[in-house]
């Protein structure tokens, strides 16, 4: 199945792109997409924000699926979904 990953804020800088396309097996979960992302990015650039061992973010990142924040990475993905990774914004 085809999944689009969008990155915003400093996550986009870490990944090196604002959008990426992934082809995953049917019945893949959000955790599968995130692990595939970590494998795709060269030079271990995500090691300081994604722990491959525990499957957890090491930095504050919002994961948005269907315009809702998701914290359960066992969520089953569906064909054509867009997943957004958004870093918290600070300002003043």
PDB file of N, CA and C in Angstrom:
ATOM      1  N   UNK A   1       0.838  -1.173   0.000  1.00  0.00           N
ATOM      2  CA  UNK A   1       0.000   0.000   0.000  1.00  0.00           C
ATOM      3  C   UNK A   1       0.885   1.238   0.000  1.00  0.00           C
ATOM      4  N   UNK A   2       0.373   2.314  -0.561  1.00  0.00           N
ATOM      5  CA  UNK A   2       1.116   3.570  -0.673  1.00  0.00           C
ATOM      6  C   UNK A   2       0.731   4.513   0.458  1.00  0.00           C
ATOM      7  N   UNK A   3       1.748   5.040   1.136  1.00  0.00           N
ATOM      8  CA  UNK A   3       1.559   5.958   2.253  1.00  0.00           C
ATOM      9  C   UNK A   3       2.446   7.178   2.005  1.00  0.00           C
ATOM     10  N   UNK A   4       1.906   8.359   2.266  1.00  0.00           N
ATOM     11  CA  UNK A   4       2.682   9.592   2.156  1.00  0.00           C
ATOM     12  C   UNK A   4       3.033  10.069   3.555  1.00  0.00           C
ATOM     13  N   UNK A   5       4.285  10.414   3.736  1.00  0.00           N
ATOM     14  CA  UNK A   5       4.747  10.972   5.004  1.00  0.00           C
ATOM     15  C   UNK A   5       5.111  12.425   4.764  1.00  0.00           C
ATOM     16  N   UNK A   6       4.538  13.326   5.544  1.00  0.00           N
ATOM     17  CA  UNK A   6       4.867  14.740   5.472  1.00  0.00           C
ATOM     18  C   UNK A   6       5.618  15.123   6.737  1.00  0.00           C
ATOM     19  N   UNK A   7       6.606  15.981   6.595  1.00  0.00           N
ATOM     20  CA  UNK A   7       7.392  16.434   7.737  1.00  0.00           C
ATOM     21  C   UNK A   7       7.331  17.957   7.808  1.00  0.00           C
ATOM     22  N   UNK A   8       7.194  18.459   9.027  1.00  0.00           N
ATOM     23  CA  UNK A   8       7.069  19.899   9.241  1.00  0.00           C
ATOM     24  C   UNK A   8       8.042  20.342  10.332  1.00  0.00           C
ATOM     25  N   UNK A   9       8.413  21.612  10.311  1.00  0.00           N
ATOM     26  CA  UNK A   9       9.304  22.165  11.330  1.00  0.00           C
ATOM     27  C   UNK A   9      10.689  21.550  11.244  1.00  0.00           C
ATOM     28  N   UNK A  10      11.339  21.382  12.375  1.00  0.00           N
ATOM     29  CA  UNK A  10      12.702  20.855  12.366  1.00  0.00           C
ATOM     30  C   UNK A  10      12.747  19.381  11.973  1.00  0.00           C
ATOM     31  N   UNK A  11      11.612  18.680  12.027  1.00  0.00           N
ATOM     32  CA  UNK A  11      11.570  17.288  11.569  1.00  0.00           C
ATOM     33  C   UNK A  11      11.885  17.240  10.073  1.00  0.00           C
ATOM     34  N   UNK A  12      11.365  18.207   9.322  1.00  0.00           N
ATOM     35  CA  UNK A  12      11.634  18.292   7.880  1.00  0.00           C
ATOM     36  C   UNK A  12      13.139  18.442   7.633  1.00  0.00           C
ATOM     37  N   UNK A  13      13.798  19.232   8.446  1.00  0.00           N
ATOM     38  CA  UNK A  13      15.247  19.427   8.310  1.00  0.00           C
ATOM     39  C   UNK A  13      15.988  18.128   8.595  1.00  0.00           C
ATOM     40  N   UNK A  14      15.577  17.412   9.630  1.00  0.00           N
ATOM     41  CA  UNK A  14      16.228  16.142   9.982  1.00  0.00           C
ATOM     42  C   UNK A  14      16.068  15.113   8.865  1.00  0.00           C
ATOM     43  N   UNK A  15      14.855  15.031   8.319  1.00  0.00           N
ATOM     44  CA  UNK A  15      14.573  14.046   7.283  1.00  0.00           C
ATOM     45  C   UNK A  15      15.182  14.466   5.951  1.00  0.00           C
ATOM     46  N   UNK A  16      15.220  15.776   5.717  1.00  0.00           N
ATOM     47  CA  UNK A  16      15.789  16.276   4.471  1.00  0.00           C
ATOM     48  C   UNK A  16      14.763  16.438   3.364  1.00  0.00           C
ATOM     49  N   UNK A  17      13.482  16.346   3.720  1.00  0.00           N
ATOM     50  CA  UNK A  17      12.422  16.469   2.724  1.00  0.00           C
ATOM     51  C   UNK A  17      11.122  16.804   3.442  1.00  0.00           C
ATOM     52  N   UNK A  18      10.238  17.500   2.752  1.00  0.00           N
ATOM     53  CA  UNK A  18       8.941  17.815   3.351  1.00  0.00           C
ATOM     54  C   UNK A  18       7.923  16.701   3.115  1.00  0.00           C
ATOM     55  N   UNK A  19       8.209  15.819   2.146  1.00  0.00           N
ATOM     56  CA  UNK A  19       7.285  14.709   1.876  1.00  0.00           C
ATOM     57  C   UNK A  19       8.051  13.519   1.295  1.00  0.00           C
ATOM     58  N   UNK A  20       7.628  12.325   1.694  1.00  0.00           N
ATOM     59  CA  UNK A  20       8.209  11.090   1.196  1.00  0.00           C
ATOM     60  C   UNK A  20       7.091  10.092   0.950  1.00  0.00           C
ATOM     61  N   UNK A  21       7.290   9.250  -0.047  1.00  0.00           N
ATOM     62  CA  UNK A  21       6.322   8.199  -0.359  1.00  0.00           C
ATOM     63  C   UNK A  21       6.903   6.851   0.081  1.00  0.00           C
ATOM     64  N   UNK A  22       6.061   6.018   0.675  1.00  0.00           N
ATOM     65  CA  UNK A  22       6.473   4.691   1.106  1.00  0.00           C
ATOM     66  C   UNK A  22       5.500   3.662   0.557  1.00  0.00           C
ATOM     67  N   UNK A  23       6.030   2.510   0.206  1.00  0.00           N
ATOM     68  CA  UNK A  23       5.204   1.373  -0.175  1.00  0.00           C
ATOM     69  C   UNK A  23       5.390   0.332   0.920  1.00  0.00           C
ATOM     70  N   UNK A  24       4.310   0.026   1.605  1.00  0.00           N
ATOM     71  CA  UNK A  24       4.344  -0.906   2.734  1.00  0.00           C
ATOM     72  C   UNK A  24       3.418  -2.086   2.459  1.00  0.00           C
ATOM     73  N   UNK A  25       3.689  -3.209   3.090  1.00  0.00           N
ATOM     74  CA  UNK A  25       2.789  -4.361   2.940  1.00  0.00           C
ATOM     75  C   UNK A  25       1.404  -4.066   3.523  1.00  0.00           C
ATOM     76  N   UNK A  26       0.402  -4.762   3.016  1.00  0.00           N
ATOM     77  CA  UNK A  26      -0.941  -4.641   3.581  1.00  0.00           C
ATOM     78  C   UNK A  26      -0.878  -4.944   5.080  1.00  0.00           C
ATOM     79  N   UNK A  27      -1.780  -4.341   5.842  1.00  0.00           N
ATOM     80  CA  UNK A  27      -1.879  -4.514   7.295  1.00  0.00           C
ATOM     81  C   UNK A  27      -0.700  -3.938   8.061  1.00  0.00           C
ATOM     82  N   UNK A  28       0.072  -3.043   7.435  1.00  0.00           N
ATOM     83  CA  UNK A  28       1.167  -2.389   8.149  1.00  0.00           C
ATOM     84  C   UNK A  28       0.610  -1.423   9.187  1.00  0.00           C
ATOM     85  N   UNK A  29       1.399  -1.245  10.230  1.00  0.00           N
ATOM     86  CA  UNK A  29       1.025  -0.335  11.304  1.00  0.00           C
ATOM     87  C   UNK A  29       1.887   0.924  11.227  1.00  0.00           C
ATOM     88  N   UNK A  30       1.496   1.928  11.976  1.00  0.00           N
ATOM     89  CA  UNK A  30       2.245   3.180  12.031  1.00  0.00           C
ATOM     90  C   UNK A  30       3.694   2.934  12.445  1.00  0.00           C
ATOM     91  N   UNK A  31       3.924   2.039  13.382  1.00  0.00           N
ATOM     92  CA  UNK A  31       5.285   1.717  13.820  1.00  0.00           C
ATOM     93  C   UNK A  31       6.120   1.188  12.654  1.00  0.00           C
ATOM     94  N   UNK A  32       5.508   0.436  11.749  1.00  0.00           N
ATOM     95  CA  UNK A  32       6.235  -0.071  10.585  1.00  0.00           C
ATOM     96  C   UNK A  32       6.703   1.078   9.692  1.00  0.00           C
ATOM     97  N   UNK A  33       5.836   2.056   9.510  1.00  0.00           N
ATOM     98  CA  UNK A  33       6.205   3.231   8.715  1.00  0.00           C
ATOM     99  C   UNK A  33       7.346   3.993   9.368  1.00  0.00           C
ATOM    100  N   UNK A  34       7.261   4.203  10.671  1.00  0.00           N
ATOM    101  CA  UNK A  34       8.302   4.966  11.368  1.00  0.00           C
ATOM    102  C   UNK A  34       9.637   4.228  11.343  1.00  0.00           C
ATOM    103  N   UNK A  35       9.611   2.921  11.500  1.00  0.00           N
ATOM    104  CA  UNK A  35      10.858   2.151  11.407  1.00  0.00           C
ATOM    105  C   UNK A  35      11.424   2.188   9.991  1.00  0.00           C
ATOM    106  N   UNK A  36      10.554   2.130   8.993  1.00  0.00           N
ATOM    107  CA  UNK A  36      11.013   2.224   7.604  1.00  0.00           C
ATOM    108  C   UNK A  36      11.622   3.593   7.334  1.00  0.00           C
ATOM    109  N   UNK A  37      11.021   4.628   7.879  1.00  0.00           N
ATOM    110  CA  UNK A  37      11.582   5.976   7.751  1.00  0.00           C
ATOM    111  C   UNK A  37      12.993   6.013   8.315  1.00  0.00           C
ATOM    112  N   UNK A  38      13.187   5.466   9.509  1.00  0.00           N
ATOM    113  CA  UNK A  38      14.511   5.475  10.139  1.00  0.00           C
ATOM    114  C   UNK A  38      15.539   4.728   9.303  1.00  0.00           C
ATOM    115  N   UNK A  39      15.119   3.649   8.634  1.00  0.00           N
ATOM    116  CA  UNK A  39      16.033   2.889   7.783  1.00  0.00           C
ATOM    117  C   UNK A  39      16.365   3.643   6.495  1.00  0.00           C
ATOM    118  N   UNK A  40      15.444   4.482   6.052  1.00  0.00           N
ATOM    119  CA  UNK A  40      15.586   5.196   4.788  1.00  0.00           C
ATOM    120  C   UNK A  40      16.524   6.392   4.892  1.00  0.00           C
ATOM    121  N   UNK A  41      16.548   7.040   6.035  1.00  0.00           N
ATOM    122  CA  UNK A  41      17.337   8.258   6.206  1.00  0.00           C
ATOM    123  C   UNK A  41      18.805   7.881   6.407  1.00  0.00           C
ATOM    124  N   UNK A  42      19.700   8.435   5.578  1.00  0.00           N
ATOM    125  CA  UNK A  42      21.113   8.071   5.665  1.00  0.00           C
ATOM    126  C   UNK A  42      21.812   8.648   6.897  1.00  0.00           C
ATOM    127  N   UNK A  43      22.960   8.080   7.178  1.00  0.00           N
ATOM    128  CA  UNK A  43      23.871   8.586   8.224  1.00  0.00           C
ATOM    129  C   UNK A  43      23.258   8.616   9.617  1.00  0.00           C
ATOM    130  N   UNK A  44      22.271   7.772   9.851  1.00  0.00           N
ATOM    131  CA  UNK A  44      21.658   7.690  11.179  1.00  0.00           C
ATOM    132  C   UNK A  44      21.222   9.054  11.710  1.00  0.00           C
ATOM    133  N   UNK A  45      20.739   9.916  10.811  1.00  0.00           N
ATOM    134  CA  UNK A  45      20.330  11.268  11.207  1.00  0.00           C
ATOM    135  C   UNK A  45      19.158  11.283  12.172  1.00  0.00           C
ATOM    136  N   UNK A  46      18.422  10.189  12.267  1.00  0.00           N
ATOM    137  CA  UNK A  46      17.268  10.165  13.165  1.00  0.00           C
ATOM    138  C   UNK A  46      17.570   9.531  14.513  1.00  0.00           C
ATOM    139  N   UNK A  47      18.806   9.092  14.723  1.00  0.00           N
ATOM    140  CA  UNK A  47      19.142   8.389  15.968  1.00  0.00           C
ATOM    141  C   UNK A  47      18.877   9.217  17.220  1.00  0.00           C
ATOM    142  N   UNK A  48      18.957  10.536  17.116  1.00  0.00           N
ATOM    143  CA  UNK A  48      18.730  11.352  18.311  1.00  0.00           C
ATOM    144  C   UNK A  48      17.253  11.690  18.525  1.00  0.00           C
ATOM    145  N   UNK A  49      16.379  11.296  17.587  1.00  0.00           N
ATOM    146  CA  UNK A  49      14.955  11.539  17.797  1.00  0.00           C
ATOM    147  C   UNK A  49      14.102  10.272  17.749  1.00  0.00           C
ATOM    148  N   UNK A  50      14.639   9.159  17.202  1.00  0.00           N
ATOM    149  CA  UNK A  50      13.868   7.912  17.103  1.00  0.00           C
ATOM    150  C   UNK A  50      14.682   6.754  17.640  1.00  0.00           C
ATOM    151  N   UNK A  51      14.158   6.070  18.653  1.00  0.00           N
ATOM    152  CA  UNK A  51      14.826   4.911  19.233  1.00  0.00           C
ATOM    153  C   UNK A  51      14.310   3.659  18.537  1.00  0.00           C
ATOM    154  N   UNK A  52      15.148   3.057  17.692  1.00  0.00           N
ATOM    155  CA  UNK A  52      14.751   1.869  16.927  1.00  0.00           C
ATOM    156  C   UNK A  52      14.461   0.676  17.841  1.00  0.00           C
ATOM    157  N   UNK A  53      15.104   0.629  18.986  1.00  0.00           N
ATOM    158  CA  UNK A  53      14.940  -0.490  19.908  1.00  0.00           C
ATOM    159  C   UNK A  53      13.566  -0.471  20.568  1.00  0.00           C
ATOM    160  N   UNK A  54      13.154   0.692  21.053  1.00  0.00           N
ATOM    161  CA  UNK A  54      11.873   0.786  21.760  1.00  0.00           C
ATOM    162  C   UNK A  54      10.720   1.222  20.860  1.00  0.00           C
ATOM    163  N   UNK A  55      11.038   1.755  19.672  1.00  0.00           N
ATOM    164  CA  UNK A  55       9.983   2.245  18.794  1.00  0.00           C
ATOM    165  C   UNK A  55       9.300   3.480  19.349  1.00  0.00           C
ATOM    166  N   UNK A  56      10.092   4.366  19.910  1.00  0.00           N
ATOM    167  CA  UNK A  56       9.567   5.596  20.520  1.00  0.00           C
ATOM    168  C   UNK A  56      10.397   6.799  20.077  1.00  0.00           C
ATOM    169  N   UNK A  57       9.727   7.943  20.034  1.00  0.00           N
ATOM    170  CA  UNK A  57      10.443   9.186  19.764  1.00  0.00           C
ATOM    171  C   UNK A  57      11.198   9.608  21.005  1.00  0.00           C
ATOM    172  N   UNK A  58      12.390  10.140  20.807  1.00  0.00           N
ATOM    173  CA  UNK A  58      13.202  10.654  21.901  1.00  0.00           C
ATOM    174  C   UNK A  58      13.041  12.166  22.026  1.00  0.00           C
ATOM    175  N   UNK A  59      12.323  12.756  21.098  1.00  0.00           N
ATOM    176  CA  UNK A  59      12.083  14.196  21.083  1.00  0.00           C
ATOM    177  C   UNK A  59      10.577  14.413  20.924  1.00  0.00           C
ATOM    178  N   UNK A  60      10.092  15.579  21.335  1.00  0.00           N
ATOM    179  CA  UNK A  60       8.659  15.830  21.183  1.00  0.00           C
ATOM    180  C   UNK A  60       8.280  15.999  19.712  1.00  0.00           C
ATOM    181  N   UNK A  61       7.465  15.086  19.214  1.00  0.00           N
ATOM    182  CA  UNK A  61       6.990  15.122  17.832  1.00  0.00           C
ATOM    183  C   UNK A  61       5.525  14.699  17.837  1.00  0.00           C
ATOM    184  N   UNK A  62       4.703  15.495  17.169  1.00  0.00           N
ATOM    185  CA  UNK A  62       3.294  15.149  17.013  1.00  0.00           C
ATOM    186  C   UNK A  62       3.145  14.294  15.763  1.00  0.00           C
ATOM    187  N   UNK A  63       2.427  13.190  15.880  1.00  0.00           N
ATOM    188  CA  UNK A  63       2.125  12.324  14.750  1.00  0.00           C
ATOM    189  C   UNK A  63       0.649  12.519  14.434  1.00  0.00           C
ATOM    190  N   UNK A  64       0.369  12.974  13.212  1.00  0.00           N
ATOM    191  CA  UNK A  64      -0.990  13.300  12.812  1.00  0.00           C
ATOM    192  C   UNK A  64      -1.442  12.338  11.714  1.00  0.00           C
ATOM    193  N   UNK A  65      -2.576  11.676  11.938  1.00  0.00           N
ATOM    194  CA  UNK A  65      -3.188  10.782  10.966  1.00  0.00           C
ATOM    195  C   UNK A  65      -4.641  11.213  10.816  1.00  0.00           C
ATOM    196  N   UNK A  66      -5.061  11.466   9.589  1.00  0.00           N
ATOM    197  CA  UNK A  66      -6.443  11.892   9.334  1.00  0.00           C
ATOM    198  C   UNK A  66      -6.816  13.098  10.198  1.00  0.00           C
ATOM    199  N   UNK A  67      -5.909  14.058  10.305  1.00  0.00           N
ATOM    200  CA  UNK A  67      -6.101  15.311  11.024  1.00  0.00           C
ATOM    201  C   UNK A  67      -6.298  15.139  12.528  1.00  0.00           C
ATOM    202  N   UNK A  68      -5.821  14.006  13.079  1.00  0.00           N
ATOM    203  CA  UNK A  68      -5.897  13.771  14.521  1.00  0.00           C
ATOM    204  C   UNK A  68      -4.545  13.314  15.028  1.00  0.00           C
ATOM    205  N   UNK A  69      -4.179  13.808  16.217  1.00  0.00           N
ATOM    206  CA  UNK A  69      -2.932  13.355  16.818  1.00  0.00           C
ATOM    207  C   UNK A  69      -3.074  11.897  17.248  1.00  0.00           C
ATOM    208  N   UNK A  70      -2.040  11.118  16.967  1.00  0.00           N
ATOM    209  CA  UNK A  70      -2.036   9.694  17.282  1.00  0.00           C
ATOM    210  C   UNK A  70      -0.840   9.390  18.178  1.00  0.00           C
ATOM    211  N   UNK A  71      -1.077   8.636  19.229  1.00  0.00           N
ATOM    212  CA  UNK A  71       0.011   8.214  20.104  1.00  0.00           C
ATOM    213  C   UNK A  71       0.168   6.705  20.117  1.00  0.00           C
ATOM    214  N   UNK A  72      -0.783   6.007  19.541  1.00  0.00           N
ATOM    215  CA  UNK A  72      -0.750   4.549  19.475  1.00  0.00           C
ATOM    216  C   UNK A  72      -0.128   4.132  18.140  1.00  0.00           C
ATOM    217  N   UNK A  73       1.130   3.729  18.177  1.00  0.00           N
ATOM    218  CA  UNK A  73       1.852   3.393  16.949  1.00  0.00           C
ATOM    219  C   UNK A  73       1.471   2.027  16.394  1.00  0.00           C
ATOM    220  N   UNK A  74       0.542   1.320  17.079  1.00  0.00           N
ATOM    221  CA  UNK A  74       0.047   0.056  16.526  1.00  0.00           C
ATOM    222  C   UNK A  74      -1.159   0.292  15.611  1.00  0.00           C
ATOM    223  N   UNK A  75      -1.471   1.543  15.350  1.00  0.00           N
ATOM    224  CA  UNK A  75      -2.567   1.896  14.454  1.00  0.00           C
ATOM    225  C   UNK A  75      -2.332   1.293  13.072  1.00  0.00           C
ATOM    226  N   UNK A  76      -3.327   0.586  12.539  1.00  0.00           N
ATOM    227  CA  UNK A  76      -3.237   0.017  11.188  1.00  0.00           C
ATOM    228  C   UNK A  76      -3.389   1.127  10.164  1.00  0.00           C
ATOM    229  N   UNK A  77      -2.496   1.133   9.195  1.00  0.00           N
ATOM    230  CA  UNK A  77      -2.546   2.130   8.131  1.00  0.00           C
ATOM    231  C   UNK A  77      -3.441   1.653   7.003  1.00  0.00           C
ATOM    232  N   UNK A  78      -3.933   2.612   6.240  1.00  0.00           N
ATOM    233  CA  UNK A  78      -4.799   2.304   5.110  1.00  0.00           C
ATOM    234  C   UNK A  78      -4.199   2.891   3.836  1.00  0.00           C
ATOM    235  N   UNK A  79      -4.473   2.245   2.726  1.00  0.00           N
ATOM    236  CA  UNK A  79      -3.999   2.690   1.415  1.00  0.00           C
ATOM    237  C   UNK A  79      -4.269   4.180   1.218  1.00  0.00           C
ATOM    238  N   UNK A  80      -3.225   4.895   0.788  1.00  0.00           N
ATOM    239  CA  UNK A  80      -3.371   6.299   0.428  1.00  0.00           C
ATOM    240  C   UNK A  80      -3.351   7.286   1.572  1.00  0.00           C
ATOM    241  N   UNK A  81      -3.145   6.824   2.795  1.00  0.00           N
ATOM    242  CA  UNK A  81      -3.137   7.746   3.930  1.00  0.00           C
ATOM    243  C   UNK A  81      -1.927   8.674   3.878  1.00  0.00           C
ATOM    244  N   UNK A  82      -2.113   9.837   4.492  1.00  0.00           N
ATOM    245  CA  UNK A  82      -1.020  10.782   4.683  1.00  0.00           C
ATOM    246  C   UNK A  82      -0.770  10.902   6.177  1.00  0.00           C
ATOM    247  N   UNK A  83       0.480  10.707   6.550  1.00  0.00           N
ATOM    248  CA  UNK A  83       0.911  10.804   7.948  1.00  0.00           C
ATOM    249  C   UNK A  83       1.789  12.036   8.057  1.00  0.00           C
ATOM    250  N   UNK A  84       1.552  12.871   9.057  1.00  0.00           N
ATOM    251  CA  UNK A  84       2.359  14.073   9.246  1.00  0.00           C
ATOM    252  C   UNK A  84       3.136  13.981  10.553  1.00  0.00           C
ATOM    253  N   UNK A  85       4.402  14.360  10.487  1.00  0.00           N
ATOM    254  CA  UNK A  85       5.242  14.482  11.679  1.00  0.00           C
ATOM    255  C   UNK A  85       5.505  15.966  11.871  1.00  0.00           C
ATOM    256  N   UNK A  86       5.136  16.486  13.039  1.00  0.00           N
ATOM    257  CA  UNK A  86       5.211  17.905  13.281  1.00  0.00           C
ATOM    258  C   UNK A  86       5.964  18.153  14.568  1.00  0.00           C
ATOM    259  N   UNK A  87       6.957  19.006  14.501  1.00  0.00           N
ATOM    260  CA  UNK A  87       7.681  19.392  15.717  1.00  0.00           C
ATOM    261  C   UNK A  87       6.933  20.542  16.389  1.00  0.00           C
ATOM    262  N   UNK A  88       6.938  20.574  17.721  1.00  0.00           N
ATOM    263  CA  UNK A  88       6.293  21.695  18.419  1.00  0.00           C
ATOM    264  C   UNK A  88       6.979  22.995  18.032  1.00  0.00           C
ATOM    265  N   UNK A  89       6.189  24.026  17.953  1.00  0.00           N
ATOM    266  CA  UNK A  89       6.716  25.331  17.600  1.00  0.00           C
ATOM    267  C   UNK A  89       6.865  26.166  18.872  1.00  0.00           C
ATOM    268  N   UNK A  90       7.881  26.980  18.873  1.00  0.00           N
ATOM    269  CA  UNK A  90       8.095  27.905  19.986  1.00  0.00           C
ATOM    270  C   UNK A  90       8.212  29.314  19.400  1.00  0.00           C
ATOM    271  N   UNK A  91       7.824  30.231  20.151  1.00  0.00           N
ATOM    272  CA  UNK A  91       7.908  31.609  19.656  1.00  0.00           C
ATOM    273  C   UNK A  91       7.695  32.585  20.785  1.00  0.00           C
ATOM    274  N   UNK A  92       7.787  33.792  20.434  1.00  0.00           N
ATOM    275  CA  UNK A  92       7.604  34.766  21.494  1.00  0.00           C
ATOM    276  C   UNK A  92       7.537  36.146  20.959  1.00  0.00           C
TER     277      UNK A  92
END
